């Protein structure tokens, strides 16, 4: 293959404007692929829960176990954290540290309250003898809800890392890309929780 032909092919792989896509676009696209793979995993857990929701083995059902007041508080905390996370993204884009750091701190507090309430719920269920080994229904419940809780916990650690990086390095392009990825991740967790709240808790408590 001649050098001229190879150079022509290289230019053909570039964007219509003549340049390669920006790193921000590449990172965003790659992170969306990660999020979609995560959503596929949660879809499998949702499917397993739907199949096993009636497999109580004579044990307690969701209607007997679920406290919608507690779950409602969890939901409000997570939805409010999505709002504060959005404010943090605006603060980062404007390079306003007062908005960014305050909004990220509020997001952390709301997320930590959510995780604390979830841990308390799990401990209460275990104390009633309704742990994950009690029935297939409870196994599926703890797996689905617990997996989401682990994601939120990981997100909180990521959040603290982003606050420290902005404080130490400022609003460099690579830092802003990481803030964008964190925001996508956090909002995705909120969407998954809304589905989880509806399918697991609302339907389960009404059965």
N, C-alpha and C. Protein backbone atom coordinates (compact mmCIF):
# COMPACT_ATOMS: atom_id res chain seq x y z
N UNK A 1 0.86 -1.19 0.00
CA UNK A 1 0.00 0.00 0.00
C UNK A 1 0.89 1.24 0.00
N UNK A 2 0.63 2.17 -0.85
CA UNK A 2 1.46 3.36 -0.97
C UNK A 2 1.23 4.28 0.22
N UNK A 3 2.23 5.14 0.47
CA UNK A 3 2.11 6.08 1.58
C UNK A 3 0.97 7.05 1.35
N UNK A 4 0.75 7.41 0.08
CA UNK A 4 -0.33 8.36 -0.24
C UNK A 4 -1.68 7.76 0.08
N UNK A 5 -1.87 6.43 -0.29
CA UNK A 5 -3.14 5.77 -0.04
C UNK A 5 -3.38 5.61 1.46
N UNK A 6 -2.31 5.27 2.21
CA UNK A 6 -2.45 5.11 3.66
C UNK A 6 -2.82 6.43 4.32
N UNK A 7 -2.18 7.52 3.81
CA UNK A 7 -2.49 8.83 4.38
C UNK A 7 -3.94 9.20 4.10
N UNK A 8 -4.44 8.81 2.91
CA UNK A 8 -5.82 9.10 2.56
C UNK A 8 -6.78 8.36 3.49
N UNK A 9 -6.45 7.08 3.82
CA UNK A 9 -7.29 6.31 4.72
C UNK A 9 -7.27 6.91 6.12
N UNK A 10 -6.12 7.42 6.55
CA UNK A 10 -6.02 8.03 7.87
C UNK A 10 -6.90 9.25 7.96
N UNK A 11 -6.92 10.05 6.87
CA UNK A 11 -7.78 11.23 6.88
C UNK A 11 -9.24 10.84 6.85
N UNK A 12 -9.59 9.71 6.21
CA UNK A 12 -10.98 9.27 6.13
C UNK A 12 -11.51 8.87 7.49
N UNK A 13 -10.61 8.40 8.38
CA UNK A 13 -11.05 7.98 9.71
C UNK A 13 -11.28 9.16 10.64
N UNK A 14 -10.86 10.36 10.16
CA UNK A 14 -11.04 11.53 11.00
C UNK A 14 -12.44 12.08 10.87
N UNK A 15 -12.75 13.04 11.73
CA UNK A 15 -14.07 13.65 11.71
C UNK A 15 -14.24 14.50 10.47
N UNK A 16 -15.49 14.78 10.05
CA UNK A 16 -15.74 15.57 8.86
C UNK A 16 -15.03 16.93 8.88
N UNK A 17 -14.82 17.49 10.06
CA UNK A 17 -14.16 18.78 10.16
C UNK A 17 -12.66 18.70 9.93
N UNK A 18 -12.12 17.51 9.77
CA UNK A 18 -10.71 17.34 9.48
C UNK A 18 -9.86 17.01 10.69
N UNK A 19 -10.42 17.01 11.89
CA UNK A 19 -9.65 16.71 13.10
C UNK A 19 -10.20 15.51 13.82
N UNK A 20 -9.38 14.94 14.71
CA UNK A 20 -9.84 13.82 15.51
C UNK A 20 -10.86 14.31 16.54
N UNK A 21 -11.79 13.44 16.95
CA UNK A 21 -12.74 13.85 18.01
C UNK A 21 -11.98 14.26 19.27
N UNK A 22 -12.54 15.20 20.01
CA UNK A 22 -11.88 15.67 21.22
C UNK A 22 -11.83 14.56 22.27
N UNK A 23 -10.86 14.68 23.17
CA UNK A 23 -10.72 13.67 24.22
C UNK A 23 -11.95 13.64 25.10
N UNK A 24 -12.60 14.79 25.29
CA UNK A 24 -13.81 14.85 26.09
C UNK A 24 -14.90 13.97 25.49
N UNK A 25 -15.03 14.00 24.16
CA UNK A 25 -16.04 13.18 23.49
C UNK A 25 -15.70 11.70 23.62
N UNK A 26 -14.41 11.37 23.44
CA UNK A 26 -13.99 9.97 23.53
C UNK A 26 -14.21 9.43 24.94
N UNK A 27 -13.83 10.20 25.96
CA UNK A 27 -14.02 9.77 27.35
C UNK A 27 -15.50 9.61 27.66
N UNK A 28 -16.31 10.61 27.24
CA UNK A 28 -17.75 10.53 27.49
C UNK A 28 -18.38 9.32 26.84
N UNK A 29 -17.99 9.05 25.59
CA UNK A 29 -18.53 7.90 24.87
C UNK A 29 -18.14 6.60 25.55
N UNK A 30 -16.86 6.49 25.95
CA UNK A 30 -16.41 5.27 26.63
C UNK A 30 -17.10 5.07 27.96
N UNK A 31 -17.35 6.17 28.67
CA UNK A 31 -18.01 6.03 29.96
C UNK A 31 -19.47 5.63 29.80
N UNK A 32 -20.11 6.12 28.73
CA UNK A 32 -21.48 5.68 28.46
C UNK A 32 -21.54 4.18 28.22
N UNK A 33 -20.52 3.63 27.55
CA UNK A 33 -20.47 2.18 27.34
C UNK A 33 -20.38 1.46 28.68
N UNK A 34 -19.56 2.00 29.60
CA UNK A 34 -19.45 1.41 30.94
C UNK A 34 -20.81 1.46 31.64
N UNK A 35 -21.49 2.60 31.57
CA UNK A 35 -22.78 2.73 32.23
C UNK A 35 -23.80 1.76 31.65
N UNK A 36 -23.79 1.59 30.34
CA UNK A 36 -24.73 0.66 29.71
C UNK A 36 -24.45 -0.77 30.16
N UNK A 37 -23.18 -1.13 30.30
CA UNK A 37 -22.85 -2.48 30.79
C UNK A 37 -23.34 -2.66 32.23
N UNK A 38 -23.25 -1.59 33.02
CA UNK A 38 -23.74 -1.64 34.40
C UNK A 38 -25.27 -1.80 34.42
N UNK A 39 -25.94 -1.10 33.53
CA UNK A 39 -27.40 -1.20 33.45
C UNK A 39 -27.82 -2.60 33.03
N UNK A 40 -27.05 -3.22 32.14
CA UNK A 40 -27.34 -4.60 31.74
C UNK A 40 -27.22 -5.54 32.94
N UNK A 41 -26.20 -5.31 33.77
CA UNK A 41 -26.04 -6.13 34.97
C UNK A 41 -27.24 -5.97 35.91
N UNK A 42 -27.65 -4.72 36.12
CA UNK A 42 -28.81 -4.49 36.98
C UNK A 42 -30.08 -5.09 36.37
N UNK A 43 -30.18 -5.07 35.05
CA UNK A 43 -31.34 -5.67 34.39
C UNK A 43 -31.42 -7.16 34.70
N UNK A 44 -30.26 -7.82 34.74
CA UNK A 44 -30.24 -9.24 35.08
C UNK A 44 -30.69 -9.46 36.52
N UNK A 45 -30.26 -8.57 37.43
CA UNK A 45 -30.70 -8.68 38.83
C UNK A 45 -32.19 -8.43 38.97
N UNK A 46 -32.71 -7.44 38.21
CA UNK A 46 -34.14 -7.17 38.22
C UNK A 46 -34.92 -8.39 37.73
N UNK A 47 -34.43 -9.01 36.67
CA UNK A 47 -35.10 -10.19 36.12
C UNK A 47 -35.11 -11.33 37.14
N UNK A 48 -33.97 -11.52 37.81
CA UNK A 48 -33.90 -12.57 38.83
C UNK A 48 -34.87 -12.30 39.97
N UNK A 49 -34.94 -11.03 40.38
CA UNK A 49 -35.86 -10.68 41.46
C UNK A 49 -37.31 -10.92 41.04
N UNK A 50 -37.65 -10.55 39.82
CA UNK A 50 -39.02 -10.74 39.34
C UNK A 50 -39.40 -12.21 39.35
N UNK A 51 -38.46 -13.08 38.97
CA UNK A 51 -38.73 -14.51 38.94
C UNK A 51 -38.87 -15.08 40.35
N UNK A 52 -38.06 -14.56 41.29
CA UNK A 52 -38.00 -15.15 42.63
C UNK A 52 -38.83 -14.40 43.67
N UNK A 53 -39.56 -13.37 43.27
CA UNK A 53 -40.27 -12.55 44.24
C UNK A 53 -41.33 -13.31 45.03
N UNK A 54 -41.84 -14.39 44.48
CA UNK A 54 -42.85 -15.19 45.19
C UNK A 54 -42.25 -16.41 45.88
N UNK A 55 -40.94 -16.61 45.73
CA UNK A 55 -40.29 -17.79 46.31
C UNK A 55 -39.87 -17.49 47.75
N UNK A 56 -40.86 -17.36 48.63
CA UNK A 56 -40.58 -16.98 50.03
C UNK A 56 -40.30 -18.17 50.93
N UNK A 57 -40.52 -19.38 50.43
CA UNK A 57 -40.27 -20.60 51.22
C UNK A 57 -41.00 -20.56 52.57
N UNK A 58 -42.19 -20.01 52.57
CA UNK A 58 -42.96 -19.92 53.80
C UNK A 58 -42.53 -18.81 54.73
N UNK A 59 -41.55 -18.01 54.29
CA UNK A 59 -41.06 -16.92 55.13
C UNK A 59 -41.80 -15.62 54.86
N UNK A 60 -41.33 -14.53 55.42
CA UNK A 60 -42.02 -13.24 55.27
C UNK A 60 -41.97 -12.74 53.83
N UNK A 61 -42.99 -11.99 53.46
CA UNK A 61 -43.08 -11.39 52.13
C UNK A 61 -42.67 -9.92 52.20
N UNK A 62 -42.58 -9.32 51.04
CA UNK A 62 -42.25 -7.91 50.99
C UNK A 62 -43.27 -7.05 51.71
N UNK A 63 -44.53 -7.43 51.61
CA UNK A 63 -45.59 -6.67 52.28
C UNK A 63 -45.40 -6.66 53.78
N UNK A 64 -44.88 -7.74 54.32
CA UNK A 64 -44.64 -7.84 55.76
C UNK A 64 -43.36 -7.16 56.20
N UNK A 65 -42.41 -7.00 55.29
CA UNK A 65 -41.08 -6.54 55.67
C UNK A 65 -40.80 -5.08 55.33
N UNK A 66 -41.30 -4.59 54.20
CA UNK A 66 -40.86 -3.30 53.70
C UNK A 66 -41.49 -2.14 54.46
N UNK A 67 -40.66 -1.21 54.86
CA UNK A 67 -41.10 0.02 55.53
C UNK A 67 -41.01 1.16 54.52
N UNK A 68 -42.13 1.54 53.94
CA UNK A 68 -42.12 2.54 52.88
C UNK A 68 -41.74 3.93 53.38
N UNK A 69 -41.95 4.19 54.66
CA UNK A 69 -41.53 5.49 55.20
C UNK A 69 -40.02 5.63 55.14
N UNK A 70 -39.33 4.60 55.60
CA UNK A 70 -37.87 4.60 55.56
C UNK A 70 -37.36 4.68 54.11
N UNK A 71 -37.97 3.89 53.25
CA UNK A 71 -37.55 3.87 51.85
C UNK A 71 -37.87 5.21 51.17
N UNK A 72 -38.98 5.83 51.56
CA UNK A 72 -39.32 7.13 51.02
C UNK A 72 -38.27 8.18 51.37
N UNK A 73 -37.76 8.13 52.60
CA UNK A 73 -36.71 9.06 53.02
C UNK A 73 -35.43 8.79 52.21
N UNK A 74 -35.11 7.51 52.01
CA UNK A 74 -33.96 7.17 51.19
C UNK A 74 -34.10 7.75 49.78
N UNK A 75 -35.29 7.60 49.23
CA UNK A 75 -35.54 8.08 47.86
C UNK A 75 -35.39 9.59 47.77
N UNK A 76 -35.93 10.31 48.74
CA UNK A 76 -35.81 11.77 48.74
C UNK A 76 -34.35 12.20 48.85
N UNK A 77 -33.59 11.51 49.69
CA UNK A 77 -32.17 11.84 49.82
C UNK A 77 -31.44 11.66 48.50
N UNK A 78 -31.71 10.55 47.82
CA UNK A 78 -31.00 10.29 46.57
C UNK A 78 -31.43 11.24 45.47
N UNK A 79 -32.72 11.56 45.40
CA UNK A 79 -33.18 12.50 44.38
C UNK A 79 -32.62 13.90 44.63
N UNK A 80 -32.58 14.32 45.90
CA UNK A 80 -31.98 15.62 46.21
C UNK A 80 -30.49 15.63 45.89
N UNK A 81 -29.83 14.49 46.10
CA UNK A 81 -28.40 14.42 45.79
C UNK A 81 -28.16 14.55 44.29
N UNK A 82 -29.11 14.11 43.49
CA UNK A 82 -28.98 14.28 42.04
C UNK A 82 -29.02 15.76 41.68
N UNK A 83 -29.89 16.51 42.37
CA UNK A 83 -29.99 17.95 42.14
C UNK A 83 -28.69 18.66 42.55
N UNK A 84 -28.17 18.33 43.73
CA UNK A 84 -26.94 18.97 44.18
C UNK A 84 -25.75 18.57 43.32
N UNK A 85 -25.77 17.34 42.80
CA UNK A 85 -24.71 16.92 41.89
C UNK A 85 -24.75 17.75 40.61
N UNK A 86 -25.96 18.05 40.14
CA UNK A 86 -26.09 18.91 38.96
C UNK A 86 -25.54 20.30 39.24
N UNK A 87 -25.81 20.84 40.43
CA UNK A 87 -25.26 22.15 40.80
C UNK A 87 -23.73 22.11 40.82
N UNK A 88 -23.18 20.99 41.31
CA UNK A 88 -21.72 20.85 41.35
C UNK A 88 -21.14 20.86 39.93
N UNK A 89 -21.82 20.23 39.00
CA UNK A 89 -21.35 20.22 37.61
C UNK A 89 -21.36 21.64 37.04
N UNK A 90 -22.40 22.40 37.36
CA UNK A 90 -22.46 23.79 36.90
C UNK A 90 -21.32 24.59 37.52
N UNK A 91 -21.08 24.39 38.82
CA UNK A 91 -19.98 25.08 39.48
C UNK A 91 -18.63 24.75 38.86
N UNK A 92 -18.44 23.48 38.48
CA UNK A 92 -17.17 23.07 37.85
C UNK A 92 -17.00 23.73 36.49
N UNK A 93 -18.08 23.76 35.70
CA UNK A 93 -17.99 24.38 34.38
C UNK A 93 -17.70 25.88 34.49
N UNK A 94 -18.22 26.51 35.50
CA UNK A 94 -17.98 27.94 35.71
C UNK A 94 -16.71 28.21 36.51
N UNK A 95 -16.06 27.13 36.95
CA UNK A 95 -14.85 27.21 37.76
C UNK A 95 -15.09 28.03 39.03
N UNK A 96 -16.25 27.78 39.62
CA UNK A 96 -16.64 28.45 40.84
C UNK A 96 -16.52 27.45 41.99
N UNK A 97 -15.45 27.58 42.76
CA UNK A 97 -15.18 26.60 43.80
C UNK A 97 -16.20 26.63 44.93
N UNK A 98 -16.77 27.80 45.20
CA UNK A 98 -17.76 27.88 46.28
C UNK A 98 -18.98 27.03 45.94
N UNK A 99 -19.46 27.14 44.71
CA UNK A 99 -20.61 26.34 44.29
C UNK A 99 -20.24 24.87 44.21
N UNK A 100 -19.09 24.58 43.57
CA UNK A 100 -18.69 23.18 43.35
C UNK A 100 -18.50 22.44 44.67
N UNK A 101 -17.66 22.98 45.55
CA UNK A 101 -17.33 22.28 46.79
C UNK A 101 -18.55 22.16 47.71
N UNK A 102 -19.37 23.21 47.78
CA UNK A 102 -20.55 23.16 48.63
C UNK A 102 -21.56 22.14 48.11
N UNK A 103 -21.78 22.14 46.81
CA UNK A 103 -22.74 21.20 46.22
C UNK A 103 -22.24 19.76 46.32
N UNK A 104 -20.95 19.56 46.15
CA UNK A 104 -20.40 18.20 46.28
C UNK A 104 -20.50 17.73 47.72
N UNK A 105 -20.25 18.62 48.67
CA UNK A 105 -20.38 18.25 50.09
C UNK A 105 -21.81 17.87 50.42
N UNK A 106 -22.77 18.63 49.88
CA UNK A 106 -24.18 18.32 50.11
C UNK A 106 -24.54 16.97 49.48
N UNK A 107 -24.00 16.72 48.30
CA UNK A 107 -24.23 15.43 47.63
C UNK A 107 -23.69 14.29 48.47
N UNK A 108 -22.52 14.49 49.05
CA UNK A 108 -21.92 13.44 49.89
C UNK A 108 -22.79 13.18 51.11
N UNK A 109 -23.23 14.23 51.78
CA UNK A 109 -24.05 14.05 52.99
C UNK A 109 -25.34 13.30 52.66
N UNK A 110 -26.01 13.70 51.59
CA UNK A 110 -27.26 13.04 51.20
C UNK A 110 -27.02 11.58 50.82
N UNK A 111 -25.94 11.32 50.10
CA UNK A 111 -25.61 9.95 49.74
C UNK A 111 -25.25 9.11 50.95
N UNK A 112 -24.54 9.71 51.90
CA UNK A 112 -24.16 8.98 53.12
C UNK A 112 -25.39 8.65 53.96
N UNK A 113 -26.35 9.59 54.02
CA UNK A 113 -27.60 9.31 54.74
C UNK A 113 -28.34 8.16 54.07
N UNK A 114 -28.36 8.16 52.74
CA UNK A 114 -29.01 7.06 52.01
C UNK A 114 -28.39 5.72 52.36
N UNK A 115 -27.07 5.65 52.32
CA UNK A 115 -26.37 4.39 52.62
C UNK A 115 -26.62 3.98 54.07
N UNK A 116 -26.61 4.93 54.98
CA UNK A 116 -26.84 4.62 56.40
C UNK A 116 -28.23 4.04 56.62
N UNK A 117 -29.23 4.63 55.97
CA UNK A 117 -30.59 4.11 56.10
C UNK A 117 -30.72 2.71 55.51
N UNK A 118 -30.00 2.48 54.42
CA UNK A 118 -30.06 1.16 53.80
C UNK A 118 -29.39 0.10 54.69
N UNK A 119 -28.27 0.47 55.30
CA UNK A 119 -27.60 -0.45 56.22
C UNK A 119 -28.51 -0.76 57.42
N UNK A 120 -29.18 0.28 57.92
CA UNK A 120 -30.10 0.07 59.04
C UNK A 120 -31.25 -0.85 58.64
N UNK A 121 -31.74 -0.69 57.41
CA UNK A 121 -32.81 -1.57 56.93
C UNK A 121 -32.33 -3.02 56.86
N UNK A 122 -31.15 -3.23 56.31
CA UNK A 122 -30.61 -4.58 56.20
C UNK A 122 -30.40 -5.20 57.58
N UNK A 123 -29.87 -4.40 58.51
CA UNK A 123 -29.63 -4.92 59.86
C UNK A 123 -30.94 -5.28 60.54
N UNK A 124 -31.98 -4.45 60.33
CA UNK A 124 -33.29 -4.74 60.91
C UNK A 124 -33.90 -6.01 60.35
N UNK A 125 -33.75 -6.21 59.04
CA UNK A 125 -34.28 -7.44 58.44
C UNK A 125 -33.55 -8.66 58.97
N UNK A 126 -32.23 -8.56 59.07
CA UNK A 126 -31.46 -9.70 59.59
C UNK A 126 -31.85 -10.01 61.04
N UNK A 127 -32.12 -8.96 61.83
CA UNK A 127 -32.51 -9.16 63.22
C UNK A 127 -33.86 -9.85 63.34
N UNK A 128 -34.71 -9.70 62.31
CA UNK A 128 -36.01 -10.37 62.29
C UNK A 128 -35.92 -11.80 61.76
N UNK A 129 -34.72 -12.22 61.42
CA UNK A 129 -34.56 -13.54 60.83
C UNK A 129 -34.86 -13.55 59.34
N UNK A 130 -34.86 -12.37 58.73
CA UNK A 130 -35.14 -12.27 57.30
C UNK A 130 -33.88 -11.87 56.54
N UNK A 131 -32.82 -12.62 56.80
CA UNK A 131 -31.56 -12.37 56.10
C UNK A 131 -31.57 -12.95 54.70
N UNK A 132 -30.49 -12.76 53.96
CA UNK A 132 -30.45 -13.22 52.56
C UNK A 132 -30.53 -14.73 52.38
N UNK A 133 -30.25 -15.50 53.43
CA UNK A 133 -30.31 -16.96 53.30
C UNK A 133 -31.68 -17.53 53.67
N UNK A 134 -32.62 -16.67 54.07
CA UNK A 134 -33.93 -17.16 54.53
C UNK A 134 -34.75 -17.73 53.38
N UNK A 135 -34.70 -17.10 52.22
CA UNK A 135 -35.48 -17.57 51.08
C UNK A 135 -34.86 -17.04 49.79
N UNK A 136 -35.28 -17.60 48.67
CA UNK A 136 -34.79 -17.12 47.38
C UNK A 136 -35.22 -15.68 47.13
N UNK A 137 -36.42 -15.34 47.59
CA UNK A 137 -36.90 -13.96 47.47
C UNK A 137 -35.96 -12.99 48.17
N UNK A 138 -35.57 -13.31 49.40
CA UNK A 138 -34.70 -12.41 50.15
C UNK A 138 -33.28 -12.40 49.59
N UNK A 139 -32.84 -13.52 49.04
CA UNK A 139 -31.53 -13.55 48.37
C UNK A 139 -31.51 -12.57 47.20
N UNK A 140 -32.57 -12.64 46.39
CA UNK A 140 -32.66 -11.73 45.24
C UNK A 140 -32.78 -10.28 45.69
N UNK A 141 -33.53 -10.04 46.75
CA UNK A 141 -33.72 -8.68 47.27
C UNK A 141 -32.40 -8.10 47.76
N UNK A 142 -31.69 -8.85 48.62
CA UNK A 142 -30.44 -8.33 49.15
C UNK A 142 -29.40 -8.14 48.04
N UNK A 143 -29.40 -9.01 47.05
CA UNK A 143 -28.44 -8.89 45.96
C UNK A 143 -28.70 -7.63 45.14
N UNK A 144 -29.95 -7.41 44.77
CA UNK A 144 -30.30 -6.26 43.94
C UNK A 144 -30.10 -4.94 44.68
N UNK A 145 -30.71 -4.82 45.86
CA UNK A 145 -30.62 -3.58 46.62
C UNK A 145 -29.19 -3.35 47.14
N UNK A 146 -28.55 -4.43 47.58
CA UNK A 146 -27.19 -4.31 48.09
C UNK A 146 -26.20 -3.90 47.01
N UNK A 147 -26.39 -4.41 45.79
CA UNK A 147 -25.50 -4.04 44.69
C UNK A 147 -25.61 -2.54 44.40
N UNK A 148 -26.83 -2.03 44.44
CA UNK A 148 -27.01 -0.59 44.24
C UNK A 148 -26.35 0.19 45.37
N UNK A 149 -26.52 -0.28 46.60
CA UNK A 149 -25.89 0.39 47.74
C UNK A 149 -24.37 0.41 47.63
N UNK A 150 -23.78 -0.67 47.15
CA UNK A 150 -22.33 -0.70 46.94
C UNK A 150 -21.90 0.30 45.89
N UNK A 151 -22.71 0.45 44.84
CA UNK A 151 -22.41 1.45 43.82
C UNK A 151 -22.45 2.86 44.41
N UNK A 152 -23.45 3.13 45.25
CA UNK A 152 -23.53 4.45 45.88
C UNK A 152 -22.32 4.69 46.78
N UNK A 153 -21.92 3.67 47.54
CA UNK A 153 -20.75 3.78 48.41
C UNK A 153 -19.49 4.07 47.59
N UNK A 154 -19.33 3.36 46.48
CA UNK A 154 -18.20 3.64 45.59
C UNK A 154 -18.26 5.05 45.03
N UNK A 155 -19.49 5.50 44.70
CA UNK A 155 -19.66 6.85 44.20
C UNK A 155 -19.27 7.90 45.23
N UNK A 156 -19.54 7.63 46.51
CA UNK A 156 -19.16 8.58 47.57
C UNK A 156 -17.64 8.70 47.68
N UNK A 157 -16.94 7.58 47.55
CA UNK A 157 -15.48 7.65 47.60
C UNK A 157 -14.93 8.39 46.38
N UNK A 158 -15.54 8.15 45.22
CA UNK A 158 -15.15 8.86 44.00
C UNK A 158 -15.39 10.37 44.18
N UNK A 159 -16.51 10.72 44.80
CA UNK A 159 -16.87 12.12 45.03
C UNK A 159 -15.80 12.83 45.87
N UNK A 160 -15.38 12.18 46.94
CA UNK A 160 -14.34 12.78 47.79
C UNK A 160 -13.04 12.96 47.01
N UNK A 161 -12.74 11.99 46.16
CA UNK A 161 -11.54 12.09 45.33
C UNK A 161 -11.61 13.29 44.40
N UNK A 162 -12.78 13.51 43.80
CA UNK A 162 -12.95 14.63 42.89
C UNK A 162 -12.82 15.96 43.62
N UNK A 163 -13.38 16.05 44.82
CA UNK A 163 -13.25 17.28 45.61
C UNK A 163 -11.78 17.58 45.90
N UNK A 164 -11.03 16.54 46.26
CA UNK A 164 -9.61 16.71 46.58
C UNK A 164 -8.81 17.09 45.33
N UNK A 165 -9.13 16.48 44.19
CA UNK A 165 -8.39 16.78 42.97
C UNK A 165 -8.62 18.21 42.51
N UNK A 166 -9.87 18.67 42.58
CA UNK A 166 -10.15 20.06 42.20
C UNK A 166 -9.44 21.02 43.15
N UNK A 167 -9.42 20.69 44.44
CA UNK A 167 -8.76 21.55 45.42
C UNK A 167 -7.26 21.61 45.18
N UNK A 168 -6.69 20.47 44.77
CA UNK A 168 -5.23 20.42 44.59
C UNK A 168 -4.77 20.87 43.20
N UNK A 169 -5.55 20.57 42.17
CA UNK A 169 -5.09 20.80 40.79
C UNK A 169 -5.92 21.80 40.00
N UNK A 170 -7.04 22.23 40.58
CA UNK A 170 -7.86 23.20 39.87
C UNK A 170 -8.73 22.56 38.81
N UNK A 171 -9.22 23.39 37.89
CA UNK A 171 -10.19 22.93 36.89
C UNK A 171 -9.51 22.66 35.55
N UNK A 172 -8.55 21.74 35.59
CA UNK A 172 -7.89 21.33 34.35
C UNK A 172 -8.87 20.55 33.49
N UNK A 173 -8.63 20.50 32.16
CA UNK A 173 -9.56 19.76 31.28
C UNK A 173 -9.76 18.31 31.69
N UNK A 174 -8.69 17.63 32.14
CA UNK A 174 -8.84 16.23 32.53
C UNK A 174 -9.67 16.11 33.81
N UNK A 175 -9.55 17.08 34.72
CA UNK A 175 -10.36 17.06 35.94
C UNK A 175 -11.83 17.28 35.60
N UNK A 176 -12.10 18.20 34.68
CA UNK A 176 -13.48 18.47 34.29
C UNK A 176 -14.10 17.24 33.62
N UNK A 177 -13.29 16.50 32.87
CA UNK A 177 -13.82 15.26 32.26
C UNK A 177 -14.20 14.25 33.33
N UNK A 178 -13.39 14.17 34.38
CA UNK A 178 -13.71 13.23 35.47
C UNK A 178 -14.96 13.67 36.23
N UNK A 179 -15.13 14.96 36.40
CA UNK A 179 -16.34 15.47 37.04
C UNK A 179 -17.56 15.11 36.20
N UNK A 180 -17.43 15.24 34.87
CA UNK A 180 -18.53 14.88 33.98
C UNK A 180 -18.87 13.39 34.11
N UNK A 181 -17.85 12.54 34.16
CA UNK A 181 -18.09 11.10 34.29
C UNK A 181 -18.75 10.78 35.62
N UNK A 182 -18.29 11.43 36.69
CA UNK A 182 -18.91 11.20 37.99
C UNK A 182 -20.38 11.59 37.96
N UNK A 183 -20.67 12.73 37.34
CA UNK A 183 -22.06 13.19 37.26
C UNK A 183 -22.94 12.19 36.52
N UNK A 184 -22.44 11.66 35.40
CA UNK A 184 -23.18 10.64 34.65
C UNK A 184 -23.45 9.41 35.52
N UNK A 185 -22.42 8.99 36.25
CA UNK A 185 -22.54 7.81 37.10
C UNK A 185 -23.59 8.03 38.19
N UNK A 186 -23.53 9.19 38.85
CA UNK A 186 -24.44 9.46 39.95
C UNK A 186 -25.89 9.54 39.47
N UNK A 187 -26.11 10.21 38.35
CA UNK A 187 -27.47 10.32 37.82
C UNK A 187 -28.01 8.95 37.39
N UNK A 188 -27.12 8.10 36.87
CA UNK A 188 -27.54 6.74 36.49
C UNK A 188 -27.99 5.95 37.71
N UNK A 189 -27.27 6.12 38.83
CA UNK A 189 -27.68 5.44 40.07
C UNK A 189 -29.05 5.91 40.52
N UNK A 190 -29.35 7.19 40.34
CA UNK A 190 -30.67 7.70 40.70
C UNK A 190 -31.76 7.06 39.85
N UNK A 191 -31.50 6.95 38.55
CA UNK A 191 -32.49 6.34 37.65
C UNK A 191 -32.74 4.89 38.04
N UNK A 192 -31.65 4.16 38.32
CA UNK A 192 -31.79 2.76 38.72
C UNK A 192 -32.58 2.66 40.02
N UNK A 193 -32.33 3.58 40.95
CA UNK A 193 -33.05 3.53 42.22
C UNK A 193 -34.55 3.78 42.03
N UNK A 194 -34.91 4.70 41.16
CA UNK A 194 -36.34 4.95 40.90
C UNK A 194 -37.00 3.66 40.41
N UNK A 195 -36.33 2.95 39.50
CA UNK A 195 -36.87 1.67 39.03
C UNK A 195 -36.93 0.66 40.16
N UNK A 196 -35.88 0.62 40.97
CA UNK A 196 -35.84 -0.32 42.08
C UNK A 196 -36.93 -0.01 43.11
N UNK A 197 -37.10 1.25 43.43
CA UNK A 197 -38.13 1.67 44.38
C UNK A 197 -39.52 1.27 43.89
N UNK A 198 -39.75 1.44 42.60
CA UNK A 198 -41.07 1.13 42.04
C UNK A 198 -41.32 -0.37 41.99
N UNK A 199 -40.34 -1.11 41.47
CA UNK A 199 -40.54 -2.54 41.24
C UNK A 199 -40.45 -3.35 42.53
N UNK A 200 -39.45 -3.04 43.36
CA UNK A 200 -39.23 -3.85 44.56
C UNK A 200 -40.13 -3.40 45.71
N UNK A 201 -40.08 -2.12 46.04
CA UNK A 201 -40.75 -1.67 47.25
C UNK A 201 -42.23 -1.39 47.05
N UNK A 202 -42.58 -0.58 46.06
CA UNK A 202 -43.98 -0.22 45.90
C UNK A 202 -44.84 -1.43 45.53
N UNK A 203 -44.38 -2.20 44.55
CA UNK A 203 -45.14 -3.39 44.15
C UNK A 203 -45.08 -4.44 45.24
N UNK A 204 -43.90 -4.62 45.86
CA UNK A 204 -43.74 -5.63 46.90
C UNK A 204 -44.58 -5.35 48.11
N UNK A 205 -44.67 -4.07 48.51
CA UNK A 205 -45.46 -3.72 49.68
C UNK A 205 -46.95 -3.82 49.40
N UNK A 206 -47.34 -3.78 48.16
CA UNK A 206 -48.75 -3.84 47.82
C UNK A 206 -49.27 -5.23 47.57
N UNK A 207 -48.38 -6.20 47.52
CA UNK A 207 -48.81 -7.58 47.25
C UNK A 207 -49.40 -8.24 48.49
